[in-house]
Amino acid sequence: MRISCSPGFPGSMIGSIDLRPVEPGPTLSTKSQITAHIDPELIAIPYTIDPGFGSHFDTMKIMKGTYQQEFHHSFDVEFTIDVDQKGYITQFEHTFTLERYLDLIRTQSYQVIQTNWRGQSFHVMTYSYMEEVLNPNNVIFRCTDAEDVFVVAELIPFRVGGVVEQLNHRFLHFRALISARDDLYPIDYMCQPDFDLNLN
């Protein structure tokens, strides 16, 4: 899975995560500077099997509408979250500090977990620290009415310099993807660590 990081605003970086392979096929980044900052032995996206992991999502609120239906109603986003014609998410962008990006990789917080939830087998792809992924105050959006792919998100009030400016204007922070669609989100691709760091 390609997870890139490049300079953004002063003091922050812009991250982009490609949830699906880019056509015509996945190619690993060749100019990434990640190994200058992270021990190559730590660069991995672990795959684990934990049938009970899905029970954590039972404590979270499932929103009434799909992700697209709730957009601009329940939440806004920093940049873009791209979807395909059917409503399945393909890519998202966000800001973070360089140290957070490096630490998420160093702690192998990007993971793929096979689990059971709502009587069905799913793969969970995590994009934050586990305590953020499992925050019971998170909410869940289905991507489509097929209910085979879901987004786990934290909705955070709009802040400027750490100070809440608009309590009811909430931004979506993408924490995890829950997917039963291995055809859309291939596991081989999701587990391929392609951390594309560009500091130039």
C-alpha atoms as a PDB file:
ATOM      1  CA  MET A   1       0.000   0.000   0.000  1.00  0.00           C
ATOM      2  CA  ARG A   2       1.437   3.358  -0.982  1.00  0.00           C
ATOM      3  CA  ILE A   3       1.508   5.841   1.892  1.00  0.00           C
ATOM      4  CA  SER A   4       3.310   8.996   0.850  1.00  0.00           C
ATOM      5  CA  CYS A   5       4.481  12.012   2.813  1.00  0.00           C
ATOM      6  CA  SER A   6       5.760  15.314   1.428  1.00  0.00           C
ATOM      7  CA  PRO A   7       6.135  18.927   2.626  1.00  0.00           C
ATOM      8  CA  GLY A   8       2.879  20.802   3.125  1.00  0.00           C
ATOM      9  CA  PHE A   9       2.215  23.838   5.276  1.00  0.00           C
ATOM     10  CA  PRO A  10       4.886  25.165   7.673  1.00  0.00           C
ATOM     11  CA  GLY A  11       5.298  22.635  10.472  1.00  0.00           C
ATOM     12  CA  SER A  12       3.225  19.929   8.811  1.00  0.00           C
ATOM     13  CA  MET A  13       3.374  17.378   6.042  1.00  0.00           C
ATOM     14  CA  ILE A  14       0.760  16.196   3.571  1.00  0.00           C
ATOM     15  CA  GLY A  15       0.104  12.482   3.543  1.00  0.00           C
ATOM     16  CA  SER A  16      -1.619  10.587   0.760  1.00  0.00           C
ATOM     17  CA  ILE A  17      -2.778   6.990   1.054  1.00  0.00           C
ATOM     18  CA  ASP A  18      -3.700   4.972  -2.035  1.00  0.00           C
ATOM     19  CA  LEU A  19      -6.160   2.366  -0.783  1.00  0.00           C
ATOM     20  CA  ARG A  20      -6.199   0.583  -4.118  1.00  0.00           C
ATOM     21  CA  PRO A  21      -3.479  -0.155  -6.676  1.00  0.00           C
ATOM     22  CA  VAL A  22      -3.032   2.541  -9.283  1.00  0.00           C
ATOM     23  CA  GLU A  23      -3.530   1.298 -12.833  1.00  0.00           C
ATOM     24  CA  PRO A  24      -1.912  -0.340 -14.725  1.00  0.00           C
ATOM     25  CA  GLY A  25      -0.439  -1.964 -11.636  1.00  0.00           C
ATOM     26  CA  PRO A  26       1.450  -1.364  -8.395  1.00  0.00           C
ATOM     27  CA  THR A  27       5.019  -0.143  -8.660  1.00  0.00           C
ATOM     28  CA  LEU A  28       7.100   0.521  -5.571  1.00  0.00           C
ATOM     29  CA  SER A  29       8.459   4.007  -5.011  1.00  0.00           C
ATOM     30  CA  THR A  30      12.103   4.175  -6.065  1.00  0.00           C
ATOM     31  CA  LYS A  31      13.112   7.587  -4.685  1.00  0.00           C
ATOM     32  CA  SER A  32      11.707   7.343  -1.169  1.00  0.00           C
ATOM     33  CA  GLN A  33      13.910   8.698   1.615  1.00  0.00           C
ATOM     34  CA  ILE A  34      12.294   6.533   4.283  1.00  0.00           C
ATOM     35  CA  THR A  35      15.300   4.276   4.954  1.00  0.00           C
ATOM     36  CA  ALA A  36      17.333   7.341   5.932  1.00  0.00           C
ATOM     37  CA  HIS A  37      14.978   7.768   8.906  1.00  0.00           C
ATOM     38  CA  ILE A  38      13.641   4.282   9.719  1.00  0.00           C
ATOM     39  CA  ASP A  39      15.481   0.992  10.244  1.00  0.00           C
ATOM     40  CA  PRO A  40      14.611  -1.075   7.127  1.00  0.00           C
ATOM     41  CA  GLU A  41      13.785  -4.049   9.371  1.00  0.00           C
ATOM     42  CA  LEU A  42      10.896  -2.043  10.854  1.00  0.00           C
ATOM     43  CA  ILE A  43       9.389  -1.121   7.496  1.00  0.00           C
ATOM     44  CA  ALA A  44       6.431  -3.475   7.271  1.00  0.00           C
ATOM     45  CA  ILE A  45       2.644  -3.655   7.273  1.00  0.00           C
ATOM     46  CA  PRO A  46       1.918  -6.629   9.554  1.00  0.00           C
ATOM     47  CA  TYR A  47      -0.902  -9.074   8.776  1.00  0.00           C
ATOM     48  CA  THR A  48      -2.610 -10.726  11.725  1.00  0.00           C
ATOM     49  CA  ILE A  49      -5.657 -12.921  12.298  1.00  0.00           C
ATOM     50  CA  ASP A  50      -7.796 -11.949  15.289  1.00  0.00           C
ATOM     51  CA  PRO A  51     -11.415 -13.166  15.072  1.00  0.00           C
ATOM     52  CA  GLY A  52     -12.432 -11.144  18.136  1.00  0.00           C
ATOM     53  CA  PHE A  53     -10.955  -7.822  17.017  1.00  0.00           C
ATOM     54  CA  GLY A  54     -14.166  -6.805  15.257  1.00  0.00           C
ATOM     55  CA  SER A  55     -16.066  -6.694  18.555  1.00  0.00           C
ATOM     56  CA  HIS A  56     -14.371  -3.352  19.290  1.00  0.00           C
ATOM     57  CA  PHE A  57     -16.509  -1.767  16.581  1.00  0.00           C
ATOM     58  CA  ASP A  58     -19.726  -2.774  18.348  1.00  0.00           C
ATOM     59  CA  THR A  59     -19.266   0.131  20.774  1.00  0.00           C
ATOM     60  CA  MET A  60     -19.076   2.728  17.981  1.00  0.00           C
ATOM     61  CA  LYS A  61     -21.975   4.640  16.480  1.00  0.00           C
ATOM     62  CA  ILE A  62     -22.911   3.643  12.930  1.00  0.00           C
ATOM     63  CA  MET A  63     -24.044   6.716  11.009  1.00  0.00           C
ATOM     64  CA  LYS A  64     -27.377   6.632   9.198  1.00  0.00           C
ATOM     65  CA  GLY A  65     -26.124   7.670   5.770  1.00  0.00           C
ATOM     66  CA  THR A  66     -23.304   6.442   3.588  1.00  0.00           C
ATOM     67  CA  TYR A  67     -19.977   8.245   3.676  1.00  0.00           C
ATOM     68  CA  GLN A  68     -20.970  10.392   0.686  1.00  0.00           C
ATOM     69  CA  GLN A  69     -24.449  11.137   2.053  1.00  0.00           C
ATOM     70  CA  GLU A  70     -23.003  12.337   5.368  1.00  0.00           C
ATOM     71  CA  PHE A  71     -20.261  14.450   3.741  1.00  0.00           C
ATOM     72  CA  HIS A  72     -20.854  18.192   4.409  1.00  0.00           C
ATOM     73  CA  HIS A  73     -23.635  17.243   6.846  1.00  0.00           C
ATOM     74  CA  SER A  74     -21.917  15.326   9.653  1.00  0.00           C
ATOM     75  CA  PHE A  75     -18.364  16.286   8.769  1.00  0.00           C
ATOM     76  CA  ASP A  76     -15.912  17.982   6.442  1.00  0.00           C
ATOM     77  CA  VAL A  77     -12.395  16.933   5.376  1.00  0.00           C
ATOM     78  CA  GLU A  78      -9.015  18.677   5.252  1.00  0.00           C
ATOM     79  CA  PHE A  79      -8.311  17.905   1.617  1.00  0.00           C
ATOM     80  CA  THR A  80      -9.871  15.217  -0.511  1.00  0.00           C
ATOM     81  CA  ILE A  81     -11.120  11.698  -0.006  1.00  0.00           C
ATOM     82  CA  ASP A  82     -11.598  10.178  -3.439  1.00  0.00           C
ATOM     83  CA  VAL A  83     -14.297   7.619  -4.202  1.00  0.00           C
ATOM     84  CA  ASP A  84     -15.101   5.574  -7.274  1.00  0.00           C
ATOM     85  CA  GLN A  85     -18.410   5.683  -9.151  1.00  0.00           C
ATOM     86  CA  LYS A  86     -20.040   3.292  -6.686  1.00  0.00           C
ATOM     87  CA  GLY A  87     -18.896   5.161  -3.580  1.00  0.00           C
ATOM     88  CA  TYR A  88     -15.930   3.038  -2.483  1.00  0.00           C
ATOM     89  CA  ILE A  89     -12.986   5.072  -1.186  1.00  0.00           C
ATOM     90  CA  THR A  90      -9.839   4.918  -3.305  1.00  0.00           C
ATOM     91  CA  GLN A  91      -7.529   7.535  -1.761  1.00  0.00           C
ATOM     92  CA  PHE A  92      -7.392  10.062   1.050  1.00  0.00           C
ATOM     93  CA  GLU A  93      -5.111  12.938   2.009  1.00  0.00           C
ATOM     94  CA  HIS A  94      -4.451  14.562   5.369  1.00  0.00           C
ATOM     95  CA  THR A  95      -1.859  16.591   7.259  1.00  0.00           C
ATOM     96  CA  PHE A  96       0.391  15.444  10.077  1.00  0.00           C
ATOM     97  CA  THR A  97       3.823  16.145  11.477  1.00  0.00           C
ATOM     98  CA  LEU A  98       6.806  14.348  10.007  1.00  0.00           C
ATOM     99  CA  GLU A  99       7.470  12.724  13.387  1.00  0.00           C
ATOM    100  CA  ARG A 100       3.965  11.229  13.511  1.00  0.00           C
ATOM    101  CA  TYR A 101       4.404   9.724  10.051  1.00  0.00           C
ATOM    102  CA  LEU A 102       7.764   8.224  10.990  1.00  0.00           C
ATOM    103  CA  ASP A 103       6.482   6.961  14.334  1.00  0.00           C
ATOM    104  CA  LEU A 104       3.428   5.297  12.766  1.00  0.00           C
ATOM    105  CA  ILE A 105       5.837   3.367  10.549  1.00  0.00           C
ATOM    106  CA  ARG A 106       8.356   2.704  13.321  1.00  0.00           C
ATOM    107  CA  THR A 107       5.637   1.277  15.602  1.00  0.00           C
ATOM    108  CA  GLN A 108       4.075  -0.670  12.702  1.00  0.00           C
ATOM    109  CA  SER A 109       0.740   1.008  13.341  1.00  0.00           C
ATOM    110  CA  TYR A 110      -0.257   0.516   9.712  1.00  0.00           C
ATOM    111  CA  GLN A 111      -1.677  -3.013   9.892  1.00  0.00           C
ATOM    112  CA  VAL A 112      -4.047  -5.440   8.191  1.00  0.00           C
ATOM    113  CA  ILE A 113      -6.166  -7.565  10.537  1.00  0.00           C
ATOM    114  CA  GLN A 114      -8.472 -10.389   9.499  1.00  0.00           C
ATOM    115  CA  THR A 115     -11.445 -10.515  11.838  1.00  0.00           C
ATOM    116  CA  ASN A 116     -15.159 -11.187  12.207  1.00  0.00           C
ATOM    117  CA  TRP A 117     -17.805  -8.506  12.641  1.00  0.00           C
ATOM    118  CA  ARG A 118     -21.574  -8.563  12.319  1.00  0.00           C
ATOM    119  CA  GLY A 119     -21.433 -12.259  11.448  1.00  0.00           C
ATOM    120  CA  GLN A 120     -19.112 -11.736   8.495  1.00  0.00           C
ATOM    121  CA  SER A 121     -15.395 -11.987   7.730  1.00  0.00           C
ATOM    122  CA  PHE A 122     -13.618  -8.658   7.174  1.00  0.00           C
ATOM    123  CA  HIS A 123     -10.137  -7.236   6.784  1.00  0.00           C
ATOM    124  CA  VAL A 124      -9.378  -4.128   8.828  1.00  0.00           C
ATOM    125  CA  MET A 125      -6.697  -1.731   7.573  1.00  0.00           C
ATOM    126  CA  THR A 126      -5.489   0.647  10.303  1.00  0.00           C
ATOM    127  CA  TYR A 127      -4.085   4.125   9.613  1.00  0.00           C
ATOM    128  CA  SER A 128      -3.514   5.430  13.153  1.00  0.00           C
ATOM    129  CA  TYR A 129      -2.242   4.294  16.522  1.00  0.00           C
ATOM    130  CA  MET A 130      -4.345   1.427  17.851  1.00  0.00           C
ATOM    131  CA  GLU A 131      -5.760   3.494  20.722  1.00  0.00           C
ATOM    132  CA  GLU A 132      -7.061   5.974  18.120  1.00  0.00           C
ATOM    133  CA  VAL A 133      -8.492   3.205  15.938  1.00  0.00           C
ATOM    134  CA  LEU A 134     -10.344   1.666  18.899  1.00  0.00           C
ATOM    135  CA  ASN A 135     -11.577   4.905  20.471  1.00  0.00           C
ATOM    136  CA  PRO A 136     -15.205   4.104  21.420  1.00  0.00           C
ATOM    137  CA  ASN A 137     -16.180   7.665  20.451  1.00  0.00           C
ATOM    138  CA  ASN A 138     -15.302   6.943  16.823  1.00  0.00           C
ATOM    139  CA  VAL A 139     -18.095   6.637  14.286  1.00  0.00           C
ATOM    140  CA  ILE A 140     -18.555   4.253  11.372  1.00  0.00           C
ATOM    141  CA  PHE A 141     -19.763   5.101   7.866  1.00  0.00           C
ATOM    142  CA  ARG A 142     -20.722   2.504   5.287  1.00  0.00           C
ATOM    143  CA  CYS A 143     -19.371   3.260   1.822  1.00  0.00           C
ATOM    144  CA  THR A 144     -22.453   1.909   0.042  1.00  0.00           C
ATOM    145  CA  ASP A 145     -25.755   0.292   0.934  1.00  0.00           C
ATOM    146  CA  ALA A 146     -24.138  -3.089   0.234  1.00  0.00           C
ATOM    147  CA  GLU A 147     -22.524  -2.691   3.689  1.00  0.00           C
ATOM    148  CA  ASP A 148     -19.377  -4.521   2.611  1.00  0.00           C
ATOM    149  CA  VAL A 149     -16.895  -1.673   3.201  1.00  0.00           C
ATOM    150  CA  PHE A 150     -16.906   0.751   6.139  1.00  0.00           C
ATOM    151  CA  VAL A 151     -14.860   3.736   7.295  1.00  0.00           C
ATOM    152  CA  VAL A 152     -13.888   4.126  10.954  1.00  0.00           C
ATOM    153  CA  ALA A 153     -13.392   7.808  11.735  1.00  0.00           C
ATOM    154  CA  GLU A 154     -12.969  10.282  14.534  1.00  0.00           C
ATOM    155  CA  LEU A 155     -14.895  13.529  14.094  1.00  0.00           C
ATOM    156  CA  ILE A 156     -12.876  16.363  15.619  1.00  0.00           C
ATOM    157  CA  PRO A 157     -13.987  20.006  16.025  1.00  0.00           C
ATOM    158  CA  PHE A 158     -12.232  22.504  13.774  1.00  0.00           C
ATOM    159  CA  ARG A 159      -9.100  23.831  15.484  1.00  0.00           C
ATOM    160  CA  VAL A 160      -6.601  26.589  14.802  1.00  0.00           C
ATOM    161  CA  GLY A 161      -3.297  26.258  16.627  1.00  0.00           C
ATOM    162  CA  GLY A 162      -4.789  23.619  18.910  1.00  0.00           C
ATOM    163  CA  VAL A 163      -7.695  25.864  19.937  1.00  0.00           C
ATOM    164  CA  VAL A 164     -11.259  24.829  19.071  1.00  0.00           C
ATOM    165  CA  GLU A 165     -12.693  27.523  16.796  1.00  0.00           C
ATOM    166  CA  GLN A 166     -15.954  25.901  15.700  1.00  0.00           C
ATOM    167  CA  LEU A 167     -17.306  23.220  18.019  1.00  0.00           C
ATOM    168  CA  ASN A 168     -19.994  22.015  15.605  1.00  0.00           C
ATOM    169  CA  HIS A 169     -17.794  22.132  12.491  1.00  0.00           C
ATOM    170  CA  ARG A 170     -16.163  18.724  12.650  1.00  0.00           C
ATOM    171  CA  PHE A 171     -13.420  17.292  10.494  1.00  0.00           C
ATOM    172  CA  LEU A 172     -13.105  13.608   9.703  1.00  0.00           C
ATOM    173  CA  HIS A 173      -9.895  11.872  10.759  1.00  0.00           C
ATOM    174  CA  PHE A 174      -9.628   8.548   8.937  1.00  0.00           C
ATOM    175  CA  ARG A 175      -8.682   5.796  11.419  1.00  0.00           C
ATOM    176  CA  ALA A 176      -9.395   2.498   9.637  1.00  0.00           C
ATOM    177  CA  LEU A 177     -11.089   0.778   6.719  1.00  0.00           C
ATOM    178  CA  ILE A 178     -13.220  -2.333   7.291  1.00  0.00           C
ATOM    179  CA  SER A 179     -13.526  -4.318   4.069  1.00  0.00           C
ATOM    180  CA  ALA A 180     -15.109  -7.544   2.883  1.00  0.00           C
ATOM    181  CA  ARG A 181     -14.094  -6.681  -0.687  1.00  0.00           C
ATOM    182  CA  ASP A 182     -10.683  -8.208  -1.282  1.00  0.00           C
ATOM    183  CA  ASP A 183     -11.309  -7.684  -5.001  1.00  0.00           C
ATOM    184  CA  LEU A 184     -11.357  -3.906  -4.470  1.00  0.00           C
ATOM    185  CA  TYR A 185      -8.717  -3.800  -1.740  1.00  0.00           C
ATOM    186  CA  PRO A 186      -6.300  -6.674  -2.548  1.00  0.00           C
ATOM    187  CA  ILE A 187      -4.551  -8.002   0.537  1.00  0.00           C
ATOM    188  CA  ASP A 188      -1.218  -8.476  -1.257  1.00  0.00           C
ATOM    189  CA  TYR A 189      -1.272  -4.782  -2.146  1.00  0.00           C
ATOM    190  CA  MET A 190      -2.449  -3.645   1.296  1.00  0.00           C
ATOM    191  CA  CYS A 191       0.387  -5.539   3.002  1.00  0.00           C
ATOM    192  CA  GLN A 192       3.093  -4.259   0.652  1.00  0.00           C
ATOM    193  CA  PRO A 193       4.940  -1.477   2.543  1.00  0.00           C
ATOM    194  CA  ASP A 194       5.433   1.362   0.068  1.00  0.00           C
ATOM    195  CA  PHE A 195       6.243   4.342   2.290  1.00  0.00           C
ATOM    196  CA  ASP A 196       7.093   7.154  -0.093  1.00  0.00           C
ATOM    197  CA  LEU A 197       8.840   9.923   1.869  1.00  0.00           C
ATOM    198  CA  ASN A 198       9.939  13.005  -0.060  1.00  0.00           C
ATOM    199  CA  LEU A 199      11.471  15.872   1.922  1.00  0.00           C
ATOM    200  CA  ASN A 200      12.656  17.876  -1.094  1.00  0.00           C
END
